[in-house]
Amino acid sequence: MITFKKCEQIDLDLLHKIAIQSYNDTYQYLWKDKGKSYLERFYKKEIFKEELSAADIFYFLIYNGENAVGFVKLKENTIESYAPSKCIELDKLYLLKEAIGKGIGKSTMNFVISFSKEKNYAAISLKVMESSPAKFVYEKAGFVQIDQYDLDYPNIVEEHASILTMVCKI
């Protein structure tokens, strides 16, 4: 059974461990240095700790039975033609390798949409690498592409630098 638990400060170590492991499982191909510099910049435990206290950021651990198998991060954000208080961004949805292909991503998307409706958001946005298989999960959930650009980070593999912005009106 798939369940979602709102992250608290007490969950920081588990959240950080899953974040690092799931990122390494999924996105090393994007980087010439296997993602080391990206993780050092954006995946510091202190960043997660600070974000867990923010009123406009929501972290949830994803459980398959008793096992934490991923996490999702939502944050209030602005989307063109919507008031900032009416938009939420699906900033991260990461699953451990053993959880992929078991319907957990689909369950998580249903959770994200339900959560967003309950909080009275009008739209959900996200960014996804064009080369990521997750793009198809988002399309099936009703997201449509509204923008595309190349990331300009050191060590990114140029052929995988393209990122899409997608939106789902709810």
N, C-alpha and C. Protein backbone atom coordinates (compact mmCIF):
# COMPACT_ATOMS: atom_id res chain seq x y z
N MET A 1 0.84 -1.18 0.00
CA MET A 1 0.00 0.00 0.00
C MET A 1 0.89 1.25 0.00
N ILE A 2 0.59 2.18 -0.89
CA ILE A 2 1.36 3.42 -1.01
C ILE A 2 0.75 4.47 -0.08
N THR A 3 1.58 5.07 0.76
CA THR A 3 1.14 6.13 1.66
C THR A 3 2.13 7.29 1.61
N PHE A 4 1.66 8.44 2.09
CA PHE A 4 2.46 9.67 2.06
C PHE A 4 2.48 10.25 3.46
N LYS A 5 3.66 10.62 3.92
CA LYS A 5 3.83 11.19 5.26
C LYS A 5 4.48 12.55 5.13
N LYS A 6 3.83 13.57 5.68
CA LYS A 6 4.42 14.91 5.66
C LYS A 6 5.72 14.87 6.45
N CYS A 7 6.77 15.40 5.85
CA CYS A 7 8.09 15.40 6.50
C CYS A 7 8.13 16.43 7.61
N GLU A 8 8.76 16.04 8.68
CA GLU A 8 9.02 16.90 9.82
C GLU A 8 10.55 16.96 9.98
N GLN A 9 11.03 17.82 10.86
CA GLN A 9 12.47 17.91 11.11
C GLN A 9 13.05 16.55 11.53
N ILE A 10 12.28 15.77 12.25
CA ILE A 10 12.75 14.45 12.71
C ILE A 10 13.03 13.51 11.53
N ASP A 11 12.46 13.79 10.36
CA ASP A 11 12.64 12.97 9.16
C ASP A 11 13.82 13.43 8.30
N LEU A 12 14.54 14.45 8.75
CA LEU A 12 15.59 15.07 7.92
C LEU A 12 16.62 14.06 7.42
N ASP A 13 17.15 13.21 8.29
CA ASP A 13 18.18 12.27 7.86
C ASP A 13 17.66 11.30 6.81
N LEU A 14 16.47 10.77 7.01
CA LEU A 14 15.87 9.84 6.06
C LEU A 14 15.58 10.55 4.73
N LEU A 15 15.03 11.74 4.78
CA LEU A 15 14.75 12.51 3.57
C LEU A 15 16.04 12.75 2.78
N HIS A 16 17.07 13.20 3.47
CA HIS A 16 18.33 13.50 2.81
C HIS A 16 18.94 12.23 2.19
N LYS A 17 18.91 11.13 2.92
CA LYS A 17 19.44 9.86 2.40
C LYS A 17 18.70 9.43 1.14
N ILE A 18 17.37 9.50 1.15
CA ILE A 18 16.58 9.11 -0.03
C ILE A 18 16.84 10.07 -1.18
N ALA A 19 16.97 11.36 -0.88
CA ALA A 19 17.23 12.35 -1.93
C ALA A 19 18.53 12.04 -2.66
N ILE A 20 19.59 11.81 -1.92
CA ILE A 20 20.90 11.52 -2.52
C ILE A 20 20.85 10.21 -3.31
N GLN A 21 20.31 9.18 -2.69
CA GLN A 21 20.29 7.86 -3.34
C GLN A 21 19.43 7.88 -4.60
N SER A 22 18.25 8.47 -4.52
CA SER A 22 17.36 8.48 -5.69
C SER A 22 17.93 9.34 -6.81
N TYR A 23 18.56 10.46 -6.45
CA TYR A 23 19.18 11.29 -7.48
C TYR A 23 20.32 10.52 -8.17
N ASN A 24 21.15 9.87 -7.38
CA ASN A 24 22.25 9.09 -7.95
C ASN A 24 21.74 7.93 -8.80
N ASP A 25 20.64 7.30 -8.38
CA ASP A 25 20.05 6.20 -9.15
C ASP A 25 19.53 6.66 -10.51
N THR A 26 19.09 7.92 -10.58
CA THR A 26 18.33 8.37 -11.74
C THR A 26 19.09 9.31 -12.67
N TYR A 27 19.89 10.22 -12.14
CA TYR A 27 20.36 11.34 -12.95
C TYR A 27 21.87 11.44 -13.16
N GLN A 28 22.63 10.43 -12.83
CA GLN A 28 24.07 10.52 -13.05
C GLN A 28 24.42 10.71 -14.52
N TYR A 29 23.58 10.18 -15.42
CA TYR A 29 23.86 10.28 -16.86
C TYR A 29 23.88 11.73 -17.36
N LEU A 30 23.29 12.65 -16.60
CA LEU A 30 23.23 14.05 -17.02
C LEU A 30 24.56 14.78 -16.86
N TRP A 31 25.46 14.21 -16.10
CA TRP A 31 26.63 14.95 -15.64
C TRP A 31 27.94 14.29 -16.01
N LYS A 32 28.90 15.10 -16.38
CA LYS A 32 30.25 14.61 -16.67
C LYS A 32 30.93 14.12 -15.39
N ASP A 33 30.52 14.67 -14.23
CA ASP A 33 31.10 14.27 -12.95
C ASP A 33 30.15 13.41 -12.13
N LYS A 34 29.18 12.77 -12.81
CA LYS A 34 28.18 11.89 -12.17
C LYS A 34 27.28 12.64 -11.19
N GLY A 35 27.19 13.96 -11.32
CA GLY A 35 26.29 14.76 -10.49
C GLY A 35 26.91 15.26 -9.20
N LYS A 36 28.18 15.00 -8.99
CA LYS A 36 28.83 15.37 -7.73
C LYS A 36 28.70 16.88 -7.44
N SER A 37 29.03 17.72 -8.40
CA SER A 37 28.99 19.18 -8.15
C SER A 37 27.55 19.66 -7.95
N TYR A 38 26.60 19.07 -8.69
CA TYR A 38 25.20 19.45 -8.53
C TYR A 38 24.69 19.09 -7.13
N LEU A 39 25.00 17.87 -6.69
CA LEU A 39 24.57 17.44 -5.36
C LEU A 39 25.21 18.30 -4.27
N GLU A 40 26.48 18.63 -4.43
CA GLU A 40 27.16 19.47 -3.43
C GLU A 40 26.53 20.86 -3.35
N ARG A 41 26.00 21.32 -4.47
CA ARG A 41 25.41 22.67 -4.50
C ARG A 41 23.96 22.69 -4.01
N PHE A 42 23.16 21.71 -4.40
CA PHE A 42 21.71 21.77 -4.16
C PHE A 42 21.17 20.74 -3.18
N TYR A 43 21.99 19.80 -2.74
CA TYR A 43 21.49 18.72 -1.89
C TYR A 43 22.17 18.68 -0.53
N LYS A 44 22.58 19.83 -0.06
CA LYS A 44 23.14 19.92 1.28
C LYS A 44 22.03 19.68 2.30
N LYS A 45 22.36 18.96 3.35
CA LYS A 45 21.37 18.66 4.39
C LYS A 45 20.81 19.95 4.99
N GLU A 46 21.64 21.00 5.08
CA GLU A 46 21.19 22.27 5.64
C GLU A 46 20.06 22.90 4.81
N ILE A 47 20.12 22.70 3.50
CA ILE A 47 19.07 23.24 2.62
C ILE A 47 17.76 22.53 2.92
N PHE A 48 17.80 21.21 3.02
CA PHE A 48 16.58 20.46 3.34
C PHE A 48 16.04 20.88 4.70
N LYS A 49 16.91 21.05 5.67
CA LYS A 49 16.49 21.45 7.02
C LYS A 49 15.77 22.79 6.98
N GLU A 50 16.34 23.74 6.27
CA GLU A 50 15.73 25.07 6.15
C GLU A 50 14.37 24.98 5.44
N GLU A 51 14.31 24.21 4.37
CA GLU A 51 13.07 24.11 3.60
C GLU A 51 11.96 23.41 4.39
N LEU A 52 12.31 22.49 5.27
CA LEU A 52 11.29 21.82 6.09
C LEU A 52 10.58 22.79 7.02
N SER A 53 11.19 23.93 7.30
CA SER A 53 10.57 24.94 8.16
C SER A 53 9.80 26.00 7.38
N ALA A 54 9.92 26.01 6.08
CA ALA A 54 9.29 27.05 5.26
C ALA A 54 7.78 26.80 5.12
N ALA A 55 7.01 27.87 5.22
CA ALA A 55 5.55 27.76 5.13
C ALA A 55 5.06 27.48 3.71
N ASP A 56 5.86 27.79 2.70
CA ASP A 56 5.43 27.64 1.32
C ASP A 56 6.04 26.43 0.61
N ILE A 57 6.68 25.53 1.39
CA ILE A 57 7.29 24.32 0.84
C ILE A 57 6.74 23.12 1.61
N PHE A 58 6.37 22.08 0.87
CA PHE A 58 5.78 20.88 1.45
C PHE A 58 6.58 19.66 0.99
N TYR A 59 7.13 18.93 1.94
CA TYR A 59 7.83 17.67 1.66
C TYR A 59 6.99 16.51 2.18
N PHE A 60 6.95 15.45 1.39
CA PHE A 60 6.27 14.23 1.80
C PHE A 60 7.17 13.04 1.49
N LEU A 61 7.31 12.13 2.44
CA LEU A 61 7.98 10.87 2.18
C LEU A 61 6.95 9.92 1.56
N ILE A 62 7.39 9.11 0.64
CA ILE A 62 6.53 8.14 -0.04
C ILE A 62 6.89 6.76 0.51
N TYR A 63 5.88 6.05 1.00
CA TYR A 63 6.09 4.72 1.57
C TYR A 63 5.38 3.67 0.72
N ASN A 64 6.06 2.55 0.54
CA ASN A 64 5.45 1.35 -0.02
C ASN A 64 5.43 0.36 1.13
N GLY A 65 4.28 0.20 1.75
CA GLY A 65 4.20 -0.57 2.99
C GLY A 65 4.95 0.16 4.08
N GLU A 66 5.89 -0.51 4.70
CA GLU A 66 6.68 0.08 5.79
C GLU A 66 7.95 0.79 5.30
N ASN A 67 8.26 0.65 4.02
CA ASN A 67 9.53 1.16 3.50
C ASN A 67 9.38 2.51 2.81
N ALA A 68 10.22 3.46 3.22
CA ALA A 68 10.29 4.75 2.52
C ALA A 68 11.00 4.51 1.20
N VAL A 69 10.33 4.86 0.09
CA VAL A 69 10.87 4.57 -1.25
C VAL A 69 11.04 5.82 -2.10
N GLY A 70 10.75 6.98 -1.55
CA GLY A 70 10.90 8.20 -2.33
C GLY A 70 10.39 9.40 -1.56
N PHE A 71 10.38 10.53 -2.25
CA PHE A 71 9.85 11.75 -1.65
C PHE A 71 9.33 12.67 -2.75
N VAL A 72 8.51 13.59 -2.31
CA VAL A 72 7.98 14.61 -3.21
C VAL A 72 8.11 15.96 -2.50
N LYS A 73 8.48 16.98 -3.28
CA LYS A 73 8.60 18.34 -2.77
C LYS A 73 7.70 19.24 -3.61
N LEU A 74 6.82 19.96 -2.94
CA LEU A 74 5.94 20.93 -3.58
C LEU A 74 6.25 22.30 -2.99
N LYS A 75 6.21 23.33 -3.84
CA LYS A 75 6.41 24.67 -3.31
C LYS A 75 5.54 25.66 -4.09
N GLU A 76 5.08 26.66 -3.36
CA GLU A 76 4.32 27.72 -4.02
C GLU A 76 5.22 28.42 -5.01
N ASN A 77 4.64 28.74 -6.17
CA ASN A 77 5.44 29.34 -7.22
C ASN A 77 4.51 30.09 -8.16
N THR A 78 5.07 30.95 -8.96
CA THR A 78 4.29 31.75 -9.90
C THR A 78 4.31 31.09 -11.27
N ILE A 79 3.15 31.02 -11.89
CA ILE A 79 3.02 30.59 -13.27
C ILE A 79 2.32 31.74 -14.01
N GLU A 80 2.81 32.03 -15.19
CA GLU A 80 2.23 33.12 -15.96
C GLU A 80 0.71 32.98 -16.03
N SER A 81 0.00 34.06 -15.83
CA SER A 81 -1.45 34.21 -15.87
C SER A 81 -2.18 33.64 -14.64
N TYR A 82 -1.44 33.31 -13.59
CA TYR A 82 -2.05 32.89 -12.32
C TYR A 82 -1.46 33.72 -11.19
N ALA A 83 -2.27 33.99 -10.18
CA ALA A 83 -1.76 34.65 -8.98
C ALA A 83 -0.81 33.69 -8.27
N PRO A 84 0.28 34.19 -7.67
CA PRO A 84 1.24 33.31 -7.01
C PRO A 84 0.61 32.38 -5.97
N SER A 85 -0.41 32.86 -5.27
CA SER A 85 -1.04 32.03 -4.25
C SER A 85 -1.89 30.91 -4.84
N LYS A 86 -2.07 30.90 -6.13
CA LYS A 86 -2.89 29.89 -6.80
C LYS A 86 -2.06 28.84 -7.53
N CYS A 87 -0.73 28.93 -7.42
CA CYS A 87 0.13 28.00 -8.16
C CYS A 87 1.05 27.25 -7.22
N ILE A 88 1.27 26.01 -7.55
CA ILE A 88 2.22 25.20 -6.80
C ILE A 88 3.11 24.48 -7.81
N GLU A 89 4.37 24.34 -7.44
CA GLU A 89 5.32 23.66 -8.31
C GLU A 89 5.67 22.29 -7.73
N LEU A 90 5.60 21.28 -8.56
CA LEU A 90 6.12 19.97 -8.21
C LEU A 90 7.62 20.05 -8.46
N ASP A 91 8.35 20.41 -7.42
CA ASP A 91 9.78 20.69 -7.56
C ASP A 91 10.62 19.42 -7.63
N LYS A 92 10.21 18.40 -6.89
CA LYS A 92 10.94 17.14 -6.90
C LYS A 92 9.96 15.99 -6.69
N LEU A 93 10.16 14.94 -7.45
CA LEU A 93 9.47 13.67 -7.23
C LEU A 93 10.50 12.60 -7.56
N TYR A 94 11.10 12.04 -6.54
CA TYR A 94 12.16 11.07 -6.73
C TYR A 94 11.81 9.77 -6.04
N LEU A 95 12.06 8.68 -6.76
CA LEU A 95 11.84 7.34 -6.24
C LEU A 95 13.15 6.57 -6.26
N LEU A 96 13.33 5.69 -5.28
CA LEU A 96 14.46 4.79 -5.31
C LEU A 96 14.30 3.82 -6.47
N LYS A 97 15.41 3.34 -6.97
CA LYS A 97 15.42 2.48 -8.16
C LYS A 97 14.44 1.30 -8.02
N GLU A 98 14.40 0.67 -6.84
CA GLU A 98 13.54 -0.50 -6.65
C GLU A 98 12.05 -0.17 -6.64
N ALA A 99 11.70 1.11 -6.57
CA ALA A 99 10.30 1.52 -6.55
C ALA A 99 9.77 1.92 -7.93
N ILE A 100 10.66 2.01 -8.91
CA ILE A 100 10.26 2.45 -10.25
C ILE A 100 9.57 1.31 -10.99
N GLY A 101 8.50 1.65 -11.71
CA GLY A 101 7.77 0.66 -12.51
C GLY A 101 6.73 -0.12 -11.73
N LYS A 102 6.36 0.36 -10.56
CA LYS A 102 5.40 -0.34 -9.71
C LYS A 102 4.12 0.46 -9.48
N GLY A 103 3.92 1.54 -10.26
CA GLY A 103 2.73 2.35 -10.11
C GLY A 103 2.83 3.40 -9.02
N ILE A 104 3.99 3.51 -8.38
CA ILE A 104 4.17 4.46 -7.28
C ILE A 104 4.20 5.88 -7.81
N GLY A 105 4.81 6.09 -8.98
CA GLY A 105 4.82 7.42 -9.59
C GLY A 105 3.41 7.89 -9.90
N LYS A 106 2.58 7.00 -10.43
CA LYS A 106 1.19 7.34 -10.73
C LYS A 106 0.42 7.66 -9.45
N SER A 107 0.61 6.85 -8.42
CA SER A 107 -0.04 7.12 -7.13
C SER A 107 0.41 8.46 -6.56
N THR A 108 1.69 8.76 -6.74
CA THR A 108 2.21 10.03 -6.24
C THR A 108 1.61 11.20 -7.01
N MET A 109 1.48 11.07 -8.32
CA MET A 109 0.85 12.14 -9.11
C MET A 109 -0.60 12.35 -8.65
N ASN A 110 -1.33 11.28 -8.40
CA ASN A 110 -2.70 11.41 -7.89
C ASN A 110 -2.71 12.13 -6.54
N PHE A 111 -1.74 11.80 -5.67
CA PHE A 111 -1.63 12.47 -4.38
C PHE A 111 -1.35 13.96 -4.56
N VAL A 112 -0.41 14.29 -5.45
CA VAL A 112 -0.04 15.70 -5.69
C VAL A 112 -1.26 16.48 -6.19
N ILE A 113 -2.00 15.92 -7.10
CA ILE A 113 -3.18 16.61 -7.64
C ILE A 113 -4.23 16.77 -6.55
N SER A 114 -4.48 15.73 -5.75
CA SER A 114 -5.46 15.83 -4.66
C SER A 114 -5.03 16.87 -3.63
N PHE A 115 -3.76 16.85 -3.24
CA PHE A 115 -3.24 17.82 -2.28
C PHE A 115 -3.43 19.24 -2.82
N SER A 116 -3.11 19.43 -4.09
CA SER A 116 -3.22 20.76 -4.70
C SER A 116 -4.66 21.25 -4.74
N LYS A 117 -5.57 20.35 -5.03
CA LYS A 117 -7.01 20.71 -5.02
C LYS A 117 -7.46 21.09 -3.62
N GLU A 118 -7.05 20.29 -2.63
CA GLU A 118 -7.42 20.57 -1.23
C GLU A 118 -6.92 21.92 -0.77
N LYS A 119 -5.76 22.34 -1.25
CA LYS A 119 -5.18 23.62 -0.88
C LYS A 119 -5.63 24.76 -1.80
N ASN A 120 -6.56 24.46 -2.71
CA ASN A 120 -7.16 25.45 -3.62
C ASN A 120 -6.18 26.08 -4.61
N TYR A 121 -5.20 25.31 -5.05
CA TYR A 121 -4.33 25.78 -6.13
C TYR A 121 -5.06 25.57 -7.45
N ALA A 122 -4.79 26.44 -8.39
CA ALA A 122 -5.45 26.36 -9.70
C ALA A 122 -4.59 25.64 -10.73
N ALA A 123 -3.28 25.55 -10.48
CA ALA A 123 -2.38 24.92 -11.44
C ALA A 123 -1.15 24.38 -10.73
N ILE A 124 -0.59 23.34 -11.34
CA ILE A 124 0.66 22.74 -10.88
C ILE A 124 1.66 22.89 -12.02
N SER A 125 2.86 23.34 -11.71
CA SER A 125 3.92 23.40 -12.71
C SER A 125 5.04 22.45 -12.29
N LEU A 126 5.90 22.14 -13.24
CA LEU A 126 7.07 21.34 -12.95
C LEU A 126 8.09 21.55 -14.04
N LYS A 127 9.30 21.17 -13.74
CA LYS A 127 10.38 21.16 -14.74
C LYS A 127 10.88 19.72 -14.81
N VAL A 128 11.11 19.24 -16.02
CA VAL A 128 11.58 17.88 -16.23
C VAL A 128 12.59 17.88 -17.36
N MET A 129 13.63 17.10 -17.19
CA MET A 129 14.61 16.96 -18.25
C MET A 129 13.92 16.33 -19.46
N GLU A 130 14.19 16.86 -20.63
CA GLU A 130 13.55 16.33 -21.83
C GLU A 130 13.89 14.86 -22.03
N SER A 131 15.06 14.44 -21.59
CA SER A 131 15.49 13.05 -21.77
C SER A 131 14.98 12.12 -20.67
N SER A 132 14.26 12.63 -19.69
CA SER A 132 13.81 11.81 -18.56
C SER A 132 12.56 11.01 -18.91
N PRO A 133 12.53 9.73 -18.54
CA PRO A 133 11.31 8.94 -18.73
C PRO A 133 10.12 9.48 -17.93
N ALA A 134 10.39 10.26 -16.88
CA ALA A 134 9.31 10.84 -16.07
C ALA A 134 8.42 11.77 -16.90
N LYS A 135 8.95 12.31 -17.96
CA LYS A 135 8.17 13.21 -18.83
C LYS A 135 6.86 12.55 -19.25
N PHE A 136 6.90 11.27 -19.55
CA PHE A 136 5.71 10.56 -20.01
C PHE A 136 4.70 10.35 -18.88
N VAL A 137 5.19 10.17 -17.66
CA VAL A 137 4.30 10.06 -16.50
C VAL A 137 3.54 11.37 -16.32
N TYR A 138 4.24 12.49 -16.48
CA TYR A 138 3.61 13.79 -16.32
C TYR A 138 2.60 14.05 -17.43
N GLU A 139 2.92 13.67 -18.64
CA GLU A 139 1.98 13.85 -19.76
C GLU A 139 0.71 13.04 -19.51
N LYS A 140 0.86 11.81 -19.03
CA LYS A 140 -0.31 10.97 -18.73
C LYS A 140 -1.17 11.58 -17.63
N ALA A 141 -0.55 12.34 -16.74
CA ALA A 141 -1.28 12.98 -15.63
C ALA A 141 -1.94 14.29 -16.06
N GLY A 142 -1.75 14.70 -17.32
CA GLY A 142 -2.41 15.90 -17.83
C GLY A 142 -1.52 17.12 -17.96
N PHE A 143 -0.23 16.99 -17.75
CA PHE A 143 0.68 18.13 -17.89
C PHE A 143 0.98 18.38 -19.36
N VAL A 144 1.07 19.66 -19.71
CA VAL A 144 1.43 20.05 -21.08
C VAL A 144 2.64 20.98 -21.03
N GLN A 145 3.47 20.86 -22.03
CA GLN A 145 4.69 21.66 -22.12
C GLN A 145 4.34 23.11 -22.47
N ILE A 146 4.96 24.05 -21.71
CA ILE A 146 4.76 25.47 -22.02
C ILE A 146 6.07 26.19 -22.32
N ASP A 147 7.21 25.52 -22.04
CA ASP A 147 8.50 26.17 -22.29
C ASP A 147 9.58 25.10 -22.38
N GLN A 148 10.71 25.49 -22.98
CA GLN A 148 11.87 24.61 -23.09
C GLN A 148 13.11 25.48 -23.16
N TYR A 149 14.15 25.08 -22.45
CA TYR A 149 15.42 25.79 -22.50
C TYR A 149 16.53 24.83 -22.09
N ASP A 150 17.77 25.24 -22.29
CA ASP A 150 18.92 24.42 -21.90
C ASP A 150 19.48 24.93 -20.58
N LEU A 151 19.78 23.99 -19.69
CA LEU A 151 20.44 24.33 -18.44
C LEU A 151 21.88 24.72 -18.72
N ASP A 152 22.37 25.67 -17.96
CA ASP A 152 23.74 26.14 -18.12
C ASP A 152 24.49 25.90 -16.81
N TYR A 153 24.75 24.62 -16.52
CA TYR A 153 25.49 24.25 -15.32
C TYR A 153 26.83 23.67 -15.72
N PRO A 154 27.84 23.91 -14.89
CA PRO A 154 29.12 23.23 -15.16
C PRO A 154 28.91 21.71 -15.08
N ASN A 155 29.59 21.00 -15.90
CA ASN A 155 29.60 19.53 -15.90
C ASN A 155 28.35 18.88 -16.49
N ILE A 156 27.39 19.64 -16.99
CA ILE A 156 26.23 19.00 -17.59
C ILE A 156 26.62 18.45 -18.97
N VAL A 157 26.10 17.30 -19.31
CA VAL A 157 26.32 16.72 -20.63
C VAL A 157 25.42 17.48 -21.59
N GLU A 158 26.00 18.14 -22.57
CA GLU A 158 25.26 19.06 -23.44
C GLU A 158 24.04 18.40 -24.10
N GLU A 159 24.16 17.17 -24.53
CA GLU A 159 23.04 16.51 -25.21
C GLU A 159 21.85 16.25 -24.29
N HIS A 160 22.06 16.38 -22.98
CA HIS A 160 20.98 16.17 -22.02
C HIS A 160 20.62 17.46 -21.27
N ALA A 161 21.01 18.59 -21.77
CA ALA A 161 20.81 19.86 -21.06
C ALA A 161 19.40 20.43 -21.21
N SER A 162 18.62 19.90 -22.13
CA SER A 162 17.30 20.47 -22.39
C SER A 162 16.30 20.12 -21.29
N ILE A 163 15.65 21.16 -20.79
CA ILE A 163 14.66 20.99 -19.71
C ILE A 163 13.34 21.61 -20.16
N LEU A 164 12.25 20.97 -19.77
CA LEU A 164 10.91 21.42 -20.14
C LEU A 164 10.20 21.97 -18.92
N THR A 165 9.38 23.00 -19.13
CA THR A 165 8.44 23.45 -18.12
C THR A 165 7.07 22.95 -18.56
N MET A 166 6.37 22.30 -17.62
CA MET A 166 5.05 21.75 -17.93
C MET A 166 4.06 22.25 -16.89
N VAL A 167 2.79 22.32 -17.29
CA VAL A 167 1.73 22.81 -16.41
C VAL A 167 0.51 21.90 -16.53
N CYS A 168 -0.17 21.74 -15.39
CA CYS A 168 -1.45 21.04 -15.36
C CYS A 168 -2.44 21.94 -14.63
N LYS A 169 -3.49 22.34 -15.32
CA LYS A 169 -4.56 23.12 -14.68
C LYS A 169 -5.46 22.17 -13.92
N ILE A 170 -5.80 22.57 -12.69
CA ILE A 170 -6.66 21.70 -11.86
C ILE A 170 -7.90 22.43 -11.40
